[in-house]
Amino acid sequence: MATNSPAGGLKLLATFFNNIAVAWVATGVIGPIVGLIYDYDKFAKNMTMLWSLPVICVCMAVVLHLAGQYVLLELEKFDES
């Protein structure tokens, strides 16, 4: 069921940001595991790649989650008026 109200659009935008944040976390966790399985030599020589991908992905996920929370704060302001 589609909604045409601005409040519904804001909720969908916040959900979008949160779902993309979950995808970033999954990438940060699964990426190094897949790298270790399929190209162990490269990861064994360069351990920076092994720890930097999860850190970068989790930081990006936090930014996107905070963006979603900011959208929800705007929703509260919209509901008050």
N, C-alpha and C. Protein backbone atom coordinates (compact mmCIF):
# COMPACT_ATOMS: atom_id res chain seq x y z
N MET A 1 0.85 -1.17 0.00
CA MET A 1 0.00 0.00 0.00
C MET A 1 0.90 1.24 0.00
N ALA A 2 0.74 2.04 -1.01
CA ALA A 2 1.56 3.25 -1.13
C ALA A 2 0.92 4.39 -0.34
N THR A 3 1.77 5.24 0.17
CA THR A 3 1.27 6.37 0.93
C THR A 3 1.71 7.66 0.24
N ASN A 4 0.82 8.62 0.20
CA ASN A 4 1.14 9.89 -0.44
C ASN A 4 1.42 10.99 0.58
N SER A 5 1.35 10.68 1.85
CA SER A 5 1.57 11.71 2.86
C SER A 5 3.06 11.97 3.03
N PRO A 6 3.42 13.21 3.37
CA PRO A 6 4.84 13.51 3.62
C PRO A 6 5.42 12.69 4.77
N ALA A 7 4.60 12.39 5.77
CA ALA A 7 5.09 11.60 6.91
C ALA A 7 5.46 10.19 6.45
N GLY A 8 4.66 9.62 5.58
CA GLY A 8 4.96 8.29 5.07
C GLY A 8 6.23 8.28 4.24
N GLY A 9 6.44 9.34 3.47
CA GLY A 9 7.66 9.46 2.69
C GLY A 9 8.89 9.58 3.56
N LEU A 10 8.77 10.31 4.67
CA LEU A 10 9.90 10.45 5.58
C LEU A 10 10.22 9.12 6.25
N LYS A 11 9.20 8.36 6.59
CA LYS A 11 9.43 7.04 7.19
C LYS A 11 10.13 6.12 6.20
N LEU A 12 9.71 6.17 4.94
CA LEU A 12 10.35 5.34 3.92
C LEU A 12 11.81 5.75 3.70
N LEU A 13 12.08 7.04 3.74
CA LEU A 13 13.45 7.52 3.59
C LEU A 13 14.33 7.06 4.75
N ALA A 14 13.81 7.13 5.96
CA ALA A 14 14.56 6.66 7.13
C ALA A 14 14.81 5.16 7.04
N THR A 15 13.82 4.41 6.57
CA THR A 15 13.98 2.97 6.40
C THR A 15 15.02 2.67 5.33
N PHE A 16 15.01 3.45 4.26
CA PHE A 16 16.00 3.29 3.20
C PHE A 16 17.41 3.47 3.75
N PHE A 17 17.64 4.55 4.50
CA PHE A 17 18.97 4.79 5.06
C PHE A 17 19.39 3.66 5.99
N ASN A 18 18.47 3.18 6.80
CA ASN A 18 18.79 2.11 7.74
C ASN A 18 19.10 0.80 7.01
N ASN A 19 18.35 0.49 5.96
CA ASN A 19 18.60 -0.74 5.22
C ASN A 19 19.93 -0.69 4.48
N ILE A 20 20.29 0.46 3.95
CA ILE A 20 21.59 0.59 3.30
C ILE A 20 22.71 0.46 4.34
N ALA A 21 22.48 0.96 5.54
CA ALA A 21 23.46 0.81 6.62
C ALA A 21 23.68 -0.67 6.95
N VAL A 22 22.61 -1.44 6.98
CA VAL A 22 22.73 -2.88 7.24
C VAL A 22 23.54 -3.55 6.14
N ALA A 23 23.33 -3.14 4.90
CA ALA A 23 24.10 -3.70 3.79
C ALA A 23 25.59 -3.38 3.92
N TRP A 24 25.92 -2.17 4.38
CA TRP A 24 27.32 -1.81 4.59
C TRP A 24 27.96 -2.68 5.66
N VAL A 25 27.23 -2.95 6.75
CA VAL A 25 27.78 -3.81 7.81
C VAL A 25 27.98 -5.22 7.27
N ALA A 26 27.01 -5.72 6.52
CA ALA A 26 27.15 -7.06 5.95
C ALA A 26 28.36 -7.14 5.02
N THR A 27 28.58 -6.11 4.23
CA THR A 27 29.73 -6.07 3.33
C THR A 27 31.04 -6.06 4.13
N GLY A 28 31.05 -5.30 5.21
CA GLY A 28 32.25 -5.22 6.03
C GLY A 28 32.58 -6.51 6.74
N VAL A 29 31.57 -7.32 7.02
CA VAL A 29 31.80 -8.59 7.70
C VAL A 29 32.08 -9.70 6.69
N ILE A 30 31.28 -9.76 5.64
CA ILE A 30 31.40 -10.85 4.68
C ILE A 30 32.59 -10.66 3.74
N GLY A 31 32.91 -9.41 3.39
CA GLY A 31 34.00 -9.15 2.45
C GLY A 31 35.34 -9.76 2.86
N PRO A 32 35.82 -9.49 4.05
CA PRO A 32 37.10 -10.09 4.45
C PRO A 32 37.04 -11.62 4.54
N ILE A 33 35.91 -12.16 4.94
CA ILE A 33 35.79 -13.62 5.03
C ILE A 33 35.93 -14.23 3.63
N VAL A 34 35.23 -13.65 2.67
CA VAL A 34 35.31 -14.14 1.30
C VAL A 34 36.73 -13.94 0.76
N GLY A 35 37.34 -12.80 1.09
CA GLY A 35 38.71 -12.57 0.66
C GLY A 35 39.68 -13.59 1.22
N LEU A 36 39.50 -13.95 2.46
CA LEU A 36 40.37 -14.96 3.08
C LEU A 36 40.18 -16.32 2.44
N ILE A 37 38.95 -16.64 2.09
CA ILE A 37 38.66 -17.95 1.50
C ILE A 37 39.23 -18.05 0.08
N TYR A 38 39.00 -17.02 -0.73
CA TYR A 38 39.34 -17.12 -2.15
C TYR A 38 40.72 -16.58 -2.53
N ASP A 39 41.28 -15.70 -1.74
CA ASP A 39 42.59 -15.13 -2.07
C ASP A 39 43.40 -14.97 -0.80
N TYR A 40 43.65 -16.06 -0.15
CA TYR A 40 44.31 -16.04 1.16
C TYR A 40 45.70 -15.41 1.09
N ASP A 41 46.45 -15.69 0.02
CA ASP A 41 47.82 -15.17 -0.08
C ASP A 41 47.85 -13.65 -0.07
N LYS A 42 46.93 -13.04 -0.80
CA LYS A 42 46.90 -11.57 -0.86
C LYS A 42 46.58 -10.99 0.52
N PHE A 43 45.62 -11.60 1.22
CA PHE A 43 45.26 -11.11 2.55
C PHE A 43 46.35 -11.40 3.57
N ALA A 44 47.05 -12.50 3.41
CA ALA A 44 48.12 -12.83 4.34
C ALA A 44 49.28 -11.85 4.21
N LYS A 45 49.53 -11.35 2.98
CA LYS A 45 50.62 -10.40 2.76
C LYS A 45 50.23 -8.98 3.19
N ASN A 46 48.97 -8.65 3.06
CA ASN A 46 48.52 -7.28 3.34
C ASN A 46 47.37 -7.33 4.34
N MET A 47 47.70 -7.37 5.61
CA MET A 47 46.67 -7.48 6.65
C MET A 47 45.87 -6.18 6.81
N THR A 48 46.37 -5.08 6.26
CA THR A 48 45.64 -3.81 6.36
C THR A 48 44.26 -3.95 5.74
N MET A 49 44.19 -4.66 4.64
CA MET A 49 42.91 -4.84 3.95
C MET A 49 41.93 -5.63 4.83
N LEU A 50 42.45 -6.54 5.61
CA LEU A 50 41.60 -7.39 6.44
C LEU A 50 40.88 -6.61 7.53
N TRP A 51 41.53 -5.64 8.14
CA TRP A 51 40.88 -4.89 9.22
C TRP A 51 40.30 -3.56 8.75
N SER A 52 40.79 -3.00 7.65
CA SER A 52 40.31 -1.69 7.23
C SER A 52 38.92 -1.75 6.60
N LEU A 53 38.61 -2.80 5.86
CA LEU A 53 37.29 -2.89 5.23
C LEU A 53 36.17 -2.91 6.27
N PRO A 54 36.24 -3.74 7.31
CA PRO A 54 35.17 -3.68 8.32
C PRO A 54 35.07 -2.33 9.02
N VAL A 55 36.19 -1.70 9.30
CA VAL A 55 36.17 -0.41 9.99
C VAL A 55 35.50 0.65 9.11
N ILE A 56 35.90 0.70 7.84
CA ILE A 56 35.31 1.68 6.93
C ILE A 56 33.82 1.43 6.75
N CYS A 57 33.45 0.17 6.57
CA CYS A 57 32.03 -0.17 6.35
C CYS A 57 31.17 0.14 7.58
N VAL A 58 31.68 -0.15 8.76
CA VAL A 58 30.91 0.14 9.97
C VAL A 58 30.78 1.65 10.17
N CYS A 59 31.83 2.39 9.88
CA CYS A 59 31.74 3.86 9.98
C CYS A 59 30.70 4.41 9.01
N MET A 60 30.70 3.91 7.79
CA MET A 60 29.70 4.35 6.81
C MET A 60 28.30 3.96 7.27
N ALA A 61 28.16 2.78 7.85
CA ALA A 61 26.85 2.35 8.35
C ALA A 61 26.36 3.26 9.47
N VAL A 62 27.25 3.67 10.35
CA VAL A 62 26.87 4.58 11.44
C VAL A 62 26.40 5.91 10.87
N VAL A 63 27.11 6.43 9.87
CA VAL A 63 26.71 7.69 9.24
C VAL A 63 25.31 7.56 8.63
N LEU A 64 25.08 6.47 7.91
CA LEU A 64 23.77 6.28 7.28
C LEU A 64 22.66 6.09 8.32
N HIS A 65 22.97 5.37 9.39
CA HIS A 65 21.97 5.18 10.45
C HIS A 65 21.63 6.52 11.11
N LEU A 66 22.65 7.33 11.35
CA LEU A 66 22.40 8.65 11.93
C LEU A 66 21.59 9.53 10.98
N ALA A 67 21.82 9.38 9.67
CA ALA A 67 21.01 10.11 8.69
C ALA A 67 19.54 9.69 8.78
N GLY A 68 19.31 8.40 8.95
CA GLY A 68 17.95 7.92 9.13
C GLY A 68 17.31 8.45 10.40
N GLN A 69 18.09 8.53 11.46
CA GLN A 69 17.56 9.07 12.71
C GLN A 69 17.26 10.56 12.58
N TYR A 70 18.08 11.28 11.82
CA TYR A 70 17.83 12.69 11.57
C TYR A 70 16.51 12.87 10.81
N VAL A 71 16.27 12.01 9.86
CA VAL A 71 15.01 12.06 9.11
C VAL A 71 13.83 11.83 10.06
N LEU A 72 13.99 10.90 10.98
CA LEU A 72 12.90 10.64 11.94
C LEU A 72 12.71 11.83 12.88
N LEU A 73 13.77 12.55 13.21
CA LEU A 73 13.61 13.77 14.02
C LEU A 73 12.81 14.81 13.25
N GLU A 74 13.05 14.90 11.96
CA GLU A 74 12.26 15.81 11.12
C GLU A 74 10.80 15.37 11.10
N LEU A 75 10.56 14.07 11.16
CA LEU A 75 9.20 13.54 11.20
C LEU A 75 8.49 13.99 12.49
N GLU A 76 9.22 13.97 13.61
CA GLU A 76 8.63 14.44 14.87
C GLU A 76 8.27 15.91 14.79
N LYS A 77 9.12 16.71 14.14
CA LYS A 77 8.79 18.13 13.97
C LYS A 77 7.57 18.30 13.08
N PHE A 78 7.47 17.46 12.08
CA PHE A 78 6.33 17.51 11.17
C PHE A 78 5.04 17.12 11.89
N ASP A 79 5.11 16.10 12.77
CA ASP A 79 3.93 15.66 13.51
C ASP A 79 3.47 16.69 14.54
N GLU A 80 4.41 17.47 15.11
CA GLU A 80 4.05 18.46 16.12
C GLU A 80 3.27 19.63 15.51
N SER A 81 3.52 19.92 14.25
CA SER A 81 2.84 21.08 13.64
C SER A 81 1.52 20.71 13.03
